[in-house]
C-alpha atoms as a PDB file:
ATOM      1  CA  UNK A   1      12.527 -28.700 -23.045  1.00  0.00           C
ATOM      2  CA  UNK A   2       9.839 -29.159 -20.721  1.00  0.00           C
ATOM      3  CA  UNK A   3       9.393 -32.252 -18.257  1.00  0.00           C
ATOM      4  CA  UNK A   4       6.799 -34.616 -19.686  1.00  0.00           C
ATOM      5  CA  UNK A   5       4.044 -34.191 -17.517  1.00  0.00           C
ATOM      6  CA  UNK A   6       4.533 -30.833 -17.971  1.00  0.00           C
ATOM      7  CA  UNK A   7       3.642 -31.064 -22.179  1.00  0.00           C
ATOM      8  CA  UNK A   8       0.431 -31.547 -23.745  1.00  0.00           C
ATOM      9  CA  UNK A   9       0.831 -34.919 -26.079  1.00  0.00           C
ATOM     10  CA  UNK A  10      -2.415 -36.073 -26.975  1.00  0.00           C
ATOM     11  CA  UNK A  11      -4.837 -34.793 -29.919  1.00  0.00           C
ATOM     12  CA  UNK A  12      -8.023 -35.378 -27.586  1.00  0.00           C
ATOM     13  CA  UNK A  13      -5.983 -32.014 -25.226  1.00  0.00           C
ATOM     14  CA  UNK A  14      -5.696 -30.305 -28.429  1.00  0.00           C
ATOM     15  CA  UNK A  15      -8.477 -30.452 -29.741  1.00  0.00           C
ATOM     16  CA  UNK A  16     -10.099 -29.341 -25.951  1.00  0.00           C
ATOM     17  CA  UNK A  17      -8.368 -26.663 -25.674  1.00  0.00           C
ATOM     18  CA  UNK A  18      -9.356 -25.011 -29.183  1.00  0.00           C
ATOM     19  CA  UNK A  19     -12.798 -25.963 -28.985  1.00  0.00           C
ATOM     20  CA  UNK A  20     -13.045 -24.903 -25.479  1.00  0.00           C
ATOM     21  CA  UNK A  21     -10.391 -22.332 -24.454  1.00  0.00           C
ATOM     22  CA  UNK A  22      -9.985 -18.397 -24.841  1.00  0.00           C
ATOM     23  CA  UNK A  23      -7.559 -17.139 -27.101  1.00  0.00           C
ATOM     24  CA  UNK A  24      -5.604 -13.673 -27.569  1.00  0.00           C
ATOM     25  CA  UNK A  25      -3.704 -13.418 -30.588  1.00  0.00           C
ATOM     26  CA  UNK A  26      -1.148 -11.251 -31.799  1.00  0.00           C
ATOM     27  CA  UNK A  27       1.217  -9.993 -34.907  1.00  0.00           C
ATOM     28  CA  UNK A  28       3.903 -13.400 -33.762  1.00  0.00           C
ATOM     29  CA  UNK A  29       1.680 -15.677 -31.302  1.00  0.00           C
ATOM     30  CA  UNK A  30      -1.273 -17.024 -30.419  1.00  0.00           C
ATOM     31  CA  UNK A  31      -2.357 -18.627 -26.987  1.00  0.00           C
ATOM     32  CA  UNK A  32      -5.330 -21.090 -25.962  1.00  0.00           C
ATOM     33  CA  UNK A  33      -6.162 -21.438 -22.954  1.00  0.00           C
ATOM     34  CA  UNK A  34      -8.418 -23.736 -20.697  1.00  0.00           C
ATOM     35  CA  UNK A  35      -8.473 -25.616 -17.597  1.00  0.00           C
ATOM     36  CA  UNK A  36      -7.545 -28.958 -17.142  1.00  0.00           C
ATOM     37  CA  UNK A  37      -8.406 -29.813 -12.498  1.00  0.00           C
ATOM     38  CA  UNK A  38      -4.483 -30.546 -12.293  1.00  0.00           C
ATOM     39  CA  UNK A  39      -2.010 -29.126  -9.795  1.00  0.00           C
ATOM     40  CA  UNK A  40       0.199 -28.500 -12.688  1.00  0.00           C
ATOM     41  CA  UNK A  41       0.020 -26.475 -16.194  1.00  0.00           C
ATOM     42  CA  UNK A  42       0.882 -28.335 -19.772  1.00  0.00           C
ATOM     43  CA  UNK A  43       1.960 -26.900 -22.376  1.00  0.00           C
ATOM     44  CA  UNK A  44       1.523 -27.255 -26.223  1.00  0.00           C
ATOM     45  CA  UNK A  45       3.927 -25.575 -29.266  1.00  0.00           C
ATOM     46  CA  UNK A  46       2.012 -25.446 -32.276  1.00  0.00           C
ATOM     47  CA  UNK A  47       4.904 -24.085 -35.352  1.00  0.00           C
ATOM     48  CA  UNK A  48       2.997 -25.024 -39.083  1.00  0.00           C
ATOM     49  CA  UNK A  49       5.448 -25.390 -41.640  1.00  0.00           C
ATOM     50  CA  UNK A  50       4.128 -22.237 -43.668  1.00  0.00           C
ATOM     51  CA  UNK A  51       5.589 -20.321 -40.679  1.00  0.00           C
ATOM     52  CA  UNK A  52       8.898 -21.858 -41.687  1.00  0.00           C
ATOM     53  CA  UNK A  53       9.941 -24.718 -44.518  1.00  0.00           C
ATOM     54  CA  UNK A  54      13.201 -25.462 -42.208  1.00  0.00           C
ATOM     55  CA  UNK A  55      13.302 -27.218 -39.510  1.00  0.00           C
ATOM     56  CA  UNK A  56      16.304 -25.717 -37.999  1.00  0.00           C
ATOM     57  CA  UNK A  57      13.763 -22.903 -37.472  1.00  0.00           C
ATOM     58  CA  UNK A  58      11.168 -24.023 -36.106  1.00  0.00           C
ATOM     59  CA  UNK A  59      13.034 -26.413 -33.510  1.00  0.00           C
ATOM     60  CA  UNK A  60      14.800 -23.161 -32.503  1.00  0.00           C
ATOM     61  CA  UNK A  61      11.922 -21.565 -32.085  1.00  0.00           C
ATOM     62  CA  UNK A  62      10.174 -24.603 -30.133  1.00  0.00           C
ATOM     63  CA  UNK A  63      12.907 -24.769 -27.846  1.00  0.00           C
ATOM     64  CA  UNK A  64      13.045 -20.658 -27.366  1.00  0.00           C
ATOM     65  CA  UNK A  65       9.121 -21.168 -26.300  1.00  0.00           C
ATOM     66  CA  UNK A  66       9.652 -24.159 -24.549  1.00  0.00           C
ATOM     67  CA  UNK A  67      12.748 -22.072 -22.425  1.00  0.00           C
ATOM     68  CA  UNK A  68      10.777 -19.355 -21.599  1.00  0.00           C
ATOM     69  CA  UNK A  69       6.801 -21.522 -20.609  1.00  0.00           C
ATOM     70  CA  UNK A  70       9.536 -23.268 -17.946  1.00  0.00           C
ATOM     71  CA  UNK A  71      10.986 -20.013 -16.638  1.00  0.00           C
ATOM     72  CA  UNK A  72       7.479 -18.553 -16.122  1.00  0.00           C
ATOM     73  CA  UNK A  73       5.842 -21.512 -14.974  1.00  0.00           C
ATOM     74  CA  UNK A  74       6.217 -20.373 -11.313  1.00  0.00           C
ATOM     75  CA  UNK A  75       4.345 -17.345 -12.062  1.00  0.00           C
ATOM     76  CA  UNK A  76       1.698 -18.411 -13.822  1.00  0.00           C
ATOM     77  CA  UNK A  77      -1.960 -19.568 -11.823  1.00  0.00           C
ATOM     78  CA  UNK A  78      -1.687 -23.768 -11.985  1.00  0.00           C
ATOM     79  CA  UNK A  79      -4.048 -26.116 -13.381  1.00  0.00           C
ATOM     80  CA  UNK A  80      -4.068 -24.716 -16.951  1.00  0.00           C
ATOM     81  CA  UNK A  81      -3.897 -26.358 -20.483  1.00  0.00           C
ATOM     82  CA  UNK A  82      -1.915 -23.823 -22.670  1.00  0.00           C
ATOM     83  CA  UNK A  83      -1.289 -24.213 -26.531  1.00  0.00           C
ATOM     84  CA  UNK A  84       0.901 -21.401 -27.776  1.00  0.00           C
ATOM     85  CA  UNK A  85       0.680 -21.316 -31.736  1.00  0.00           C
ATOM     86  CA  UNK A  86       3.497 -19.537 -33.142  1.00  0.00           C
ATOM     87  CA  UNK A  87       3.257 -17.226 -36.004  1.00  0.00           C
ATOM     88  CA  UNK A  88       5.415 -16.231 -39.098  1.00  0.00           C
ATOM     89  CA  UNK A  89       6.267 -12.298 -38.075  1.00  0.00           C
ATOM     90  CA  UNK A  90       8.087 -13.618 -35.283  1.00  0.00           C
ATOM     91  CA  UNK A  91      11.177 -15.165 -37.970  1.00  0.00           C
ATOM     92  CA  UNK A  92      14.310 -13.347 -36.949  1.00  0.00           C
ATOM     93  CA  UNK A  93      13.196 -12.200 -33.503  1.00  0.00           C
ATOM     94  CA  UNK A  94      15.794 -12.125 -30.541  1.00  0.00           C
ATOM     95  CA  UNK A  95      15.277 -14.421 -27.744  1.00  0.00           C
ATOM     96  CA  UNK A  96      14.019 -11.242 -25.757  1.00  0.00           C
ATOM     97  CA  UNK A  97      11.618 -10.027 -28.259  1.00  0.00           C
ATOM     98  CA  UNK A  98       9.700 -13.799 -27.951  1.00  0.00           C
ATOM     99  CA  UNK A  99      10.292 -13.818 -24.304  1.00  0.00           C
ATOM    100  CA  UNK A 100       8.966 -10.137 -24.151  1.00  0.00           C
ATOM    101  CA  UNK A 101       5.827 -10.801 -26.649  1.00  0.00           C
ATOM    102  CA  UNK A 102       4.498 -14.180 -25.221  1.00  0.00           C
ATOM    103  CA  UNK A 103       4.504 -12.396 -21.602  1.00  0.00           C
ATOM    104  CA  UNK A 104       2.403  -9.863 -23.036  1.00  0.00           C
ATOM    105  CA  UNK A 105      -0.126 -12.243 -24.542  1.00  0.00           C
ATOM    106  CA  UNK A 106      -0.173 -13.984 -21.361  1.00  0.00           C
ATOM    107  CA  UNK A 107      -0.530 -10.627 -19.148  1.00  0.00           C
ATOM    108  CA  UNK A 108      -3.669 -10.044 -21.847  1.00  0.00           C
ATOM    109  CA  UNK A 109      -5.375 -13.945 -20.767  1.00  0.00           C
ATOM    110  CA  UNK A 110      -4.520 -12.949 -16.746  1.00  0.00           C
ATOM    111  CA  UNK A 111      -3.177 -16.049 -16.251  1.00  0.00           C
ATOM    112  CA  UNK A 112      -0.254 -14.304 -13.863  1.00  0.00           C
ATOM    113  CA  UNK A 113      -1.281 -14.723 -10.026  1.00  0.00           C
END
């Protein structure tokens, strides 16, 4: 789980990202990003019930993506707010496939140092 200062929790933060941020979507994931004028990155993970009706599956995906972001945080440029949008095509994917997909999307947005 991400540390509290690294999480996006407020609705206004998500609204700012979706209004002002730039985005890249693949078939399985989407990432919206904007600057946050802070020293560290903050992350939000959005998984709709359209992805899965089962909370167990949604929470599992959320934990996996959170763990991936935690590991990639040191490689990303600082001062960003990121919202990761999970799409239904990701269901049934292995952890390595989810990690590769997220890295590919972040690379397309040129967020690595």
